[in-house]
């Protein structure tokens, strides 16, 4: 069984929609201030482009998600 952690940032866009952004394999020592800085940089620098013309407006929340997987043999 394999385990993977993902840092999930949940943003509100300026059109009211929610947007989730995942960072695979985050540093286990990541702190709230680091996550806030990342979210602020993403918003301030407009690094994501959406087809509907909307933009990230606020970072609503963030959390670590852990997933596990079991390999299935297909041979």
PDB file of N, CA and C in Angstrom:
ATOM      1  N   UNK A   1       0.848  -1.167   0.000  1.00  0.00           N
ATOM      2  CA  UNK A   1       0.000   0.000   0.000  1.00  0.00           C
ATOM      3  C   UNK A   1       0.901   1.239   0.000  1.00  0.00           C
ATOM      4  N   UNK A   2       0.619   2.183  -0.887  1.00  0.00           N
ATOM      5  CA  UNK A   2       1.367   3.429  -0.975  1.00  0.00           C
ATOM      6  C   UNK A   2       0.534   4.566  -0.401  1.00  0.00           C
ATOM      7  N   UNK A   3       1.220   5.529   0.224  1.00  0.00           N
ATOM      8  CA  UNK A   3       0.550   6.680   0.806  1.00  0.00           C
ATOM      9  C   UNK A   3       1.152   7.955   0.217  1.00  0.00           C
ATOM     10  N   UNK A   4       0.316   8.926  -0.039  1.00  0.00           N
ATOM     11  CA  UNK A   4       0.762  10.202  -0.600  1.00  0.00           C
ATOM     12  C   UNK A   4       0.018  11.333   0.091  1.00  0.00           C
ATOM     13  N   UNK A   5       0.751  12.384   0.453  1.00  0.00           N
ATOM     14  CA  UNK A   5       0.127  13.574   1.034  1.00  0.00           C
ATOM     15  C   UNK A   5       0.047  14.650  -0.030  1.00  0.00           C
ATOM     16  N   UNK A   6      -1.054  15.400   0.026  1.00  0.00           N
ATOM     17  CA  UNK A   6      -1.274  16.509  -0.893  1.00  0.00           C
ATOM     18  C   UNK A   6      -1.723  17.709  -0.066  1.00  0.00           C
ATOM     19  N   UNK A   7      -1.095  18.850  -0.294  1.00  0.00           N
ATOM     20  CA  UNK A   7      -1.530  20.102   0.326  1.00  0.00           C
ATOM     21  C   UNK A   7      -2.600  20.700  -0.582  1.00  0.00           C
ATOM     22  N   UNK A   8      -3.791  20.891  -0.044  1.00  0.00           N
ATOM     23  CA  UNK A   8      -4.909  21.431  -0.814  1.00  0.00           C
ATOM     24  C   UNK A   8      -5.162  22.867  -0.379  1.00  0.00           C
ATOM     25  N   UNK A   9      -5.160  23.796  -1.333  1.00  0.00           N
ATOM     26  CA  UNK A   9      -5.524  25.184  -1.081  1.00  0.00           C
ATOM     27  C   UNK A   9      -6.874  25.420  -1.732  1.00  0.00           C
ATOM     28  N   UNK A  10      -7.803  25.981  -0.990  1.00  0.00           N
ATOM     29  CA  UNK A  10      -9.139  26.243  -1.511  1.00  0.00           C
ATOM     30  C   UNK A  10      -9.316  27.756  -1.612  1.00  0.00           C
ATOM     31  N   UNK A  11      -9.513  28.218  -2.832  1.00  0.00           N
ATOM     32  CA  UNK A  11      -9.668  29.644  -3.116  1.00  0.00           C
ATOM     33  C   UNK A  11     -11.114  29.969  -3.465  1.00  0.00           C
ATOM     34  N   UNK A  12     -11.489  31.226  -3.281  1.00  0.00           N
ATOM     35  CA  UNK A  12     -12.706  31.772  -3.871  1.00  0.00           C
ATOM     36  C   UNK A  12     -12.259  32.608  -5.047  1.00  0.00           C
ATOM     37  N   UNK A  13     -12.959  32.478  -6.152  1.00  0.00           N
ATOM     38  CA  UNK A  13     -12.669  33.285  -7.322  1.00  0.00           C
ATOM     39  C   UNK A  13     -13.530  34.550  -7.273  1.00  0.00           C
ATOM     40  N   UNK A  14     -13.185  35.531  -8.072  1.00  0.00           N
ATOM     41  CA  UNK A  14     -13.934  36.790  -8.049  1.00  0.00           C
ATOM     42  C   UNK A  14     -15.345  36.664  -8.608  1.00  0.00           C
ATOM     43  N   UNK A  15     -15.698  35.527  -9.164  1.00  0.00           N
ATOM     44  CA  UNK A  15     -17.071  35.289  -9.614  1.00  0.00           C
ATOM     45  C   UNK A  15     -17.866  34.471  -8.592  1.00  0.00           C
ATOM     46  N   UNK A  16     -17.261  34.208  -7.417  1.00  0.00           N
ATOM     47  CA  UNK A  16     -17.944  33.482  -6.352  1.00  0.00           C
ATOM     48  C   UNK A  16     -17.715  31.980  -6.364  1.00  0.00           C
ATOM     49  N   UNK A  17     -17.152  31.460  -7.433  1.00  0.00           N
ATOM     50  CA  UNK A  17     -16.899  30.020  -7.534  1.00  0.00           C
ATOM     51  C   UNK A  17     -15.715  29.630  -6.655  1.00  0.00           C
ATOM     52  N   UNK A  18     -15.676  28.372  -6.294  1.00  0.00           N
ATOM     53  CA  UNK A  18     -14.588  27.817  -5.504  1.00  0.00           C
ATOM     54  C   UNK A  18     -13.602  27.118  -6.433  1.00  0.00           C
ATOM     55  N   UNK A  19     -12.316  27.151  -6.063  1.00  0.00           N
ATOM     56  CA  UNK A  19     -11.282  26.487  -6.858  1.00  0.00           C
ATOM     57  C   UNK A  19     -10.302  25.822  -5.920  1.00  0.00           C
ATOM     58  N   UNK A  20     -10.024  24.549  -6.147  1.00  0.00           N
ATOM     59  CA  UNK A  20      -9.069  23.787  -5.328  1.00  0.00           C
ATOM     60  C   UNK A  20      -7.781  23.581  -6.110  1.00  0.00           C
ATOM     61  N   UNK A  21      -6.648  23.809  -5.427  1.00  0.00           N
ATOM     62  CA  UNK A  21      -5.337  23.646  -6.031  1.00  0.00           C
ATOM     63  C   UNK A  21      -4.539  22.699  -5.149  1.00  0.00           C
ATOM     64  N   UNK A  22      -3.983  21.642  -5.716  1.00  0.00           N
ATOM     65  CA  UNK A  22      -3.247  20.647  -4.941  1.00  0.00           C
ATOM     66  C   UNK A  22      -1.761  20.674  -5.213  1.00  0.00           C
ATOM     67  N   UNK A  23      -0.982  20.550  -4.139  1.00  0.00           N
ATOM     68  CA  UNK A  23       0.473  20.473  -4.238  1.00  0.00           C
ATOM     69  C   UNK A  23       0.876  19.101  -3.718  1.00  0.00           C
ATOM     70  N   UNK A  24       1.357  18.249  -4.618  1.00  0.00           N
ATOM     71  CA  UNK A  24       1.763  16.899  -4.223  1.00  0.00           C
ATOM     72  C   UNK A  24       3.104  16.932  -3.500  1.00  0.00           C
ATOM     73  N   UNK A  25       3.267  16.034  -2.565  1.00  0.00           N
ATOM     74  CA  UNK A  25       4.505  15.849  -1.807  1.00  0.00           C
ATOM     75  C   UNK A  25       5.003  17.128  -1.124  1.00  0.00           C
ATOM     76  N   UNK A  26       4.138  17.803  -0.354  1.00  0.00           N
ATOM     77  CA  UNK A  26       4.587  19.015   0.334  1.00  0.00           C
ATOM     78  C   UNK A  26       5.590  18.672   1.436  1.00  0.00           C
ATOM     79  N   UNK A  27       6.384  19.648   1.798  1.00  0.00           N
ATOM     80  CA  UNK A  27       7.327  19.486   2.907  1.00  0.00           C
ATOM     81  C   UNK A  27       6.512  19.179   4.165  1.00  0.00           C
ATOM     82  N   UNK A  28       6.847  18.140   4.905  1.00  0.00           N
ATOM     83  CA  UNK A  28       6.075  17.792   6.098  1.00  0.00           C
ATOM     84  C   UNK A  28       6.108  18.891   7.169  1.00  0.00           C
ATOM     85  N   UNK A  29       7.094  19.768   7.101  1.00  0.00           N
ATOM     86  CA  UNK A  29       7.215  20.829   8.102  1.00  0.00           C
ATOM     87  C   UNK A  29       6.549  22.137   7.661  1.00  0.00           C
ATOM     88  N   UNK A  30       5.753  22.105   6.598  1.00  0.00           N
ATOM     89  CA  UNK A  30       5.113  23.326   6.119  1.00  0.00           C
ATOM     90  C   UNK A  30       4.231  23.921   7.216  1.00  0.00           C
ATOM     91  N   UNK A  31       4.273  25.237   7.347  1.00  0.00           N
ATOM     92  CA  UNK A  31       3.514  25.933   8.388  1.00  0.00           C
ATOM     93  C   UNK A  31       2.449  26.816   7.760  1.00  0.00           C
ATOM     94  N   UNK A  32       1.491  27.226   8.580  1.00  0.00           N
ATOM     95  CA  UNK A  32       0.385  28.054   8.102  1.00  0.00           C
ATOM     96  C   UNK A  32       0.886  29.316   7.408  1.00  0.00           C
ATOM     97  N   UNK A  33       1.918  29.935   7.947  1.00  0.00           N
ATOM     98  CA  UNK A  33       2.442  31.163   7.336  1.00  0.00           C
ATOM     99  C   UNK A  33       2.980  30.895   5.930  1.00  0.00           C
ATOM    100  N   UNK A  34       3.579  29.730   5.708  1.00  0.00           N
ATOM    101  CA  UNK A  34       4.070  29.357   4.374  1.00  0.00           C
ATOM    102  C   UNK A  34       2.914  29.199   3.398  1.00  0.00           C
ATOM    103  N   UNK A  35       1.849  28.565   3.861  1.00  0.00           N
ATOM    104  CA  UNK A  35       0.686  28.330   3.007  1.00  0.00           C
ATOM    105  C   UNK A  35       0.010  29.659   2.666  1.00  0.00           C
ATOM    106  N   UNK A  36      -0.122  30.541   3.663  1.00  0.00           N
ATOM    107  CA  UNK A  36      -0.711  31.859   3.410  1.00  0.00           C
ATOM    108  C   UNK A  36       0.123  32.639   2.406  1.00  0.00           C
ATOM    109  N   UNK A  37       1.445  32.573   2.537  1.00  0.00           N
ATOM    110  CA  UNK A  37       2.334  33.273   1.602  1.00  0.00           C
ATOM    111  C   UNK A  37       2.172  32.723   0.186  1.00  0.00           C
ATOM    112  N   UNK A  38       2.063  31.399   0.065  1.00  0.00           N
ATOM    113  CA  UNK A  38       1.863  30.789  -1.247  1.00  0.00           C
ATOM    114  C   UNK A  38       0.546  31.253  -1.858  1.00  0.00           C
ATOM    115  N   UNK A  39      -0.534  31.203  -1.085  1.00  0.00           N
ATOM    116  CA  UNK A  39      -1.843  31.640  -1.583  1.00  0.00           C
ATOM    117  C   UNK A  39      -1.835  33.097  -1.994  1.00  0.00           C
ATOM    118  N   UNK A  40      -1.209  33.938  -1.178  1.00  0.00           N
ATOM    119  CA  UNK A  40      -1.121  35.368  -1.495  1.00  0.00           C
ATOM    120  C   UNK A  40      -0.338  35.600  -2.780  1.00  0.00           C
ATOM    121  N   UNK A  41       0.769  34.878  -2.941  1.00  0.00           N
ATOM    122  CA  UNK A  41       1.570  35.015  -4.156  1.00  0.00           C
ATOM    123  C   UNK A  41       0.789  34.568  -5.392  1.00  0.00           C
ATOM    124  N   UNK A  42       0.031  33.496  -5.264  1.00  0.00           N
ATOM    125  CA  UNK A  42      -0.756  33.012  -6.394  1.00  0.00           C
ATOM    126  C   UNK A  42      -1.806  34.039  -6.811  1.00  0.00           C
ATOM    127  N   UNK A  43      -2.433  34.665  -5.813  1.00  0.00           N
ATOM    128  CA  UNK A  43      -3.457  35.679  -6.095  1.00  0.00           C
ATOM    129  C   UNK A  43      -2.810  36.937  -6.670  1.00  0.00           C
ATOM    130  N   UNK A  44      -1.793  37.453  -5.985  1.00  0.00           N
ATOM    131  CA  UNK A  44      -1.154  38.719  -6.371  1.00  0.00           C
ATOM    132  C   UNK A  44      -0.515  38.671  -7.749  1.00  0.00           C
ATOM    133  N   UNK A  45       0.061  37.535  -8.087  1.00  0.00           N
ATOM    134  CA  UNK A  45       0.767  37.419  -9.360  1.00  0.00           C
ATOM    135  C   UNK A  45      -0.102  36.880 -10.495  1.00  0.00           C
ATOM    136  N   UNK A  46      -1.353  36.555 -10.197  1.00  0.00           N
ATOM    137  CA  UNK A  46      -2.273  36.078 -11.226  1.00  0.00           C
ATOM    138  C   UNK A  46      -1.720  34.909 -12.021  1.00  0.00           C
ATOM    139  N   UNK A  47      -1.167  33.919 -11.302  1.00  0.00           N
ATOM    140  CA  UNK A  47      -0.484  32.832 -12.010  1.00  0.00           C
ATOM    141  C   UNK A  47      -1.422  31.841 -12.688  1.00  0.00           C
ATOM    142  N   UNK A  48      -2.706  31.873 -12.350  1.00  0.00           N
ATOM    143  CA  UNK A  48      -3.656  30.972 -13.000  1.00  0.00           C
ATOM    144  C   UNK A  48      -4.589  31.771 -13.897  1.00  0.00           C
ATOM    145  N   UNK A  49      -4.896  31.206 -15.048  1.00  0.00           N
ATOM    146  CA  UNK A  49      -5.783  31.840 -16.010  1.00  0.00           C
ATOM    147  C   UNK A  49      -6.993  30.929 -16.204  1.00  0.00           C
ATOM    148  N   UNK A  50      -8.180  31.507 -16.126  1.00  0.00           N
ATOM    149  CA  UNK A  50      -9.405  30.726 -16.282  1.00  0.00           C
ATOM    150  C   UNK A  50     -10.128  31.141 -17.560  1.00  0.00           C
ATOM    151  N   UNK A  51     -10.709  30.187 -18.238  1.00  0.00           N
ATOM    152  CA  UNK A  51     -11.366  30.434 -19.524  1.00  0.00           C
ATOM    153  C   UNK A  51     -12.498  31.457 -19.419  1.00  0.00           C
ATOM    154  N   UNK A  52     -13.146  31.519 -18.263  1.00  0.00           N
ATOM    155  CA  UNK A  52     -14.269  32.457 -18.111  1.00  0.00           C
ATOM    156  C   UNK A  52     -13.817  33.871 -17.731  1.00  0.00           C
ATOM    157  N   UNK A  53     -12.518  34.097 -17.653  1.00  0.00           N
ATOM    158  CA  UNK A  53     -12.000  35.422 -17.326  1.00  0.00           C
ATOM    159  C   UNK A  53     -11.942  35.728 -15.843  1.00  0.00           C
ATOM    160  N   UNK A  54     -12.368  34.802 -15.013  1.00  0.00           N
ATOM    161  CA  UNK A  54     -12.332  35.023 -13.567  1.00  0.00           C
ATOM    162  C   UNK A  54     -10.901  34.910 -13.051  1.00  0.00           C
ATOM    163  N   UNK A  55     -10.717  35.315 -11.788  1.00  0.00           N
ATOM    164  CA  UNK A  55      -9.399  35.273 -11.167  1.00  0.00           C
ATOM    165  C   UNK A  55      -9.543  34.846  -9.712  1.00  0.00           C
ATOM    166  N   UNK A  56      -8.454  34.365  -9.142  1.00  0.00           N
ATOM    167  CA  UNK A  56      -8.455  34.033  -7.717  1.00  0.00           C
ATOM    168  C   UNK A  56      -8.627  35.314  -6.915  1.00  0.00           C
ATOM    169  N   UNK A  57      -9.465  35.259  -5.876  1.00  0.00           N
ATOM    170  CA  UNK A  57      -9.731  36.452  -5.071  1.00  0.00           C
ATOM    171  C   UNK A  57      -9.227  36.301  -3.640  1.00  0.00           C
ATOM    172  N   UNK A  58      -9.543  35.167  -2.994  1.00  0.00           N
ATOM    173  CA  UNK A  58      -9.132  34.955  -1.607  1.00  0.00           C
ATOM    174  C   UNK A  58      -8.772  33.493  -1.372  1.00  0.00           C
ATOM    175  N   UNK A  59      -7.893  33.276  -0.423  1.00  0.00           N
ATOM    176  CA  UNK A  59      -7.587  31.916   0.027  1.00  0.00           C
ATOM    177  C   UNK A  59      -8.521  31.631   1.188  1.00  0.00           C
ATOM    178  N   UNK A  60      -9.434  30.699   1.009  1.00  0.00           N
ATOM    179  CA  UNK A  60     -10.440  30.391   2.034  1.00  0.00           C
ATOM    180  C   UNK A  60      -9.929  29.441   3.105  1.00  0.00           C
ATOM    181  N   UNK A  61      -9.269  28.367   2.685  1.00  0.00           N
ATOM    182  CA  UNK A  61      -8.770  27.384   3.640  1.00  0.00           C
ATOM    183  C   UNK A  61      -7.719  26.523   2.969  1.00  0.00           C
ATOM    184  N   UNK A  62      -7.016  25.773   3.774  1.00  0.00           N
ATOM    185  CA  UNK A  62      -6.019  24.835   3.273  1.00  0.00           C
ATOM    186  C   UNK A  62      -5.981  23.640   4.214  1.00  0.00           C
ATOM    187  N   UNK A  63      -5.639  22.483   3.676  1.00  0.00           N
ATOM    188  CA  UNK A  63      -5.541  21.286   4.499  1.00  0.00           C
ATOM    189  C   UNK A  63      -4.660  20.257   3.827  1.00  0.00           C
ATOM    190  N   UNK A  64      -4.150  19.342   4.626  1.00  0.00           N
ATOM    191  CA  UNK A  64      -3.375  18.210   4.106  1.00  0.00           C
ATOM    192  C   UNK A  64      -4.344  17.061   3.875  1.00  0.00           C
ATOM    193  N   UNK A  65      -4.225  16.444   2.731  1.00  0.00           N
ATOM    194  CA  UNK A  65      -5.033  15.277   2.401  1.00  0.00           C
ATOM    195  C   UNK A  65      -4.075  14.120   2.209  1.00  0.00           C
ATOM    196  N   UNK A  66      -4.384  12.995   2.802  1.00  0.00           N
ATOM    197  CA  UNK A  66      -3.549  11.812   2.632  1.00  0.00           C
ATOM    198  C   UNK A  66      -4.348  10.760   1.901  1.00  0.00           C
ATOM    199  N   UNK A  67      -3.772  10.254   0.830  1.00  0.00           N
ATOM    200  CA  UNK A  67      -4.426   9.208   0.064  1.00  0.00           C
ATOM    201  C   UNK A  67      -3.575   7.946   0.116  1.00  0.00           C
ATOM    202  N   UNK A  68      -4.221   6.833   0.049  1.00  0.00           N
ATOM    203  CA  UNK A  68      -3.507   5.550  -0.015  1.00  0.00           C
ATOM    204  C   UNK A  68      -3.984   4.834  -1.273  1.00  0.00           C
ATOM    205  N   UNK A  69      -3.099   4.035  -1.820  1.00  0.00           N
ATOM    206  CA  UNK A  69      -3.467   3.281  -3.007  1.00  0.00           C
ATOM    207  C   UNK A  69      -2.891   1.868  -2.891  1.00  0.00           C
ATOM    208  N   UNK A  70      -3.603   0.956  -3.481  1.00  0.00           N
ATOM    209  CA  UNK A  70      -3.173  -0.441  -3.549  1.00  0.00           C
ATOM    210  C   UNK A  70      -3.010  -0.788  -5.017  1.00  0.00           C
ATOM    211  N   UNK A  71      -1.858  -1.292  -5.359  1.00  0.00           N
ATOM    212  CA  UNK A  71      -1.608  -1.683  -6.740  1.00  0.00           C
ATOM    213  C   UNK A  71      -2.450  -2.910  -7.093  1.00  0.00           C
ATOM    214  N   UNK A  72      -2.947  -2.915  -8.312  1.00  0.00           N
ATOM    215  CA  UNK A  72      -3.717  -4.035  -8.826  1.00  0.00           C
ATOM    216  C   UNK A  72      -2.977  -4.587 -10.027  1.00  0.00           C
ATOM    217  N   UNK A  73      -2.679  -5.864  -9.991  1.00  0.00           N
ATOM    218  CA  UNK A  73      -1.969  -6.490 -11.096  1.00  0.00           C
ATOM    219  C   UNK A  73      -2.932  -6.679 -12.263  1.00  0.00           C
ATOM    220  N   UNK A  74      -2.515  -6.225 -13.426  1.00  0.00           N
ATOM    221  CA  UNK A  74      -3.347  -6.392 -14.631  1.00  0.00           C
ATOM    222  C   UNK A  74      -2.739  -7.365 -15.618  1.00  0.00           C
ATOM    223  N   UNK A  75      -1.697  -8.046 -15.184  1.00  0.00           N
ATOM    224  CA  UNK A  75      -1.039  -9.021 -16.079  1.00  0.00           C
ATOM    225  C   UNK A  75      -1.621 -10.393 -15.907  1.00  0.00           C
TER     226      UNK A  75
END
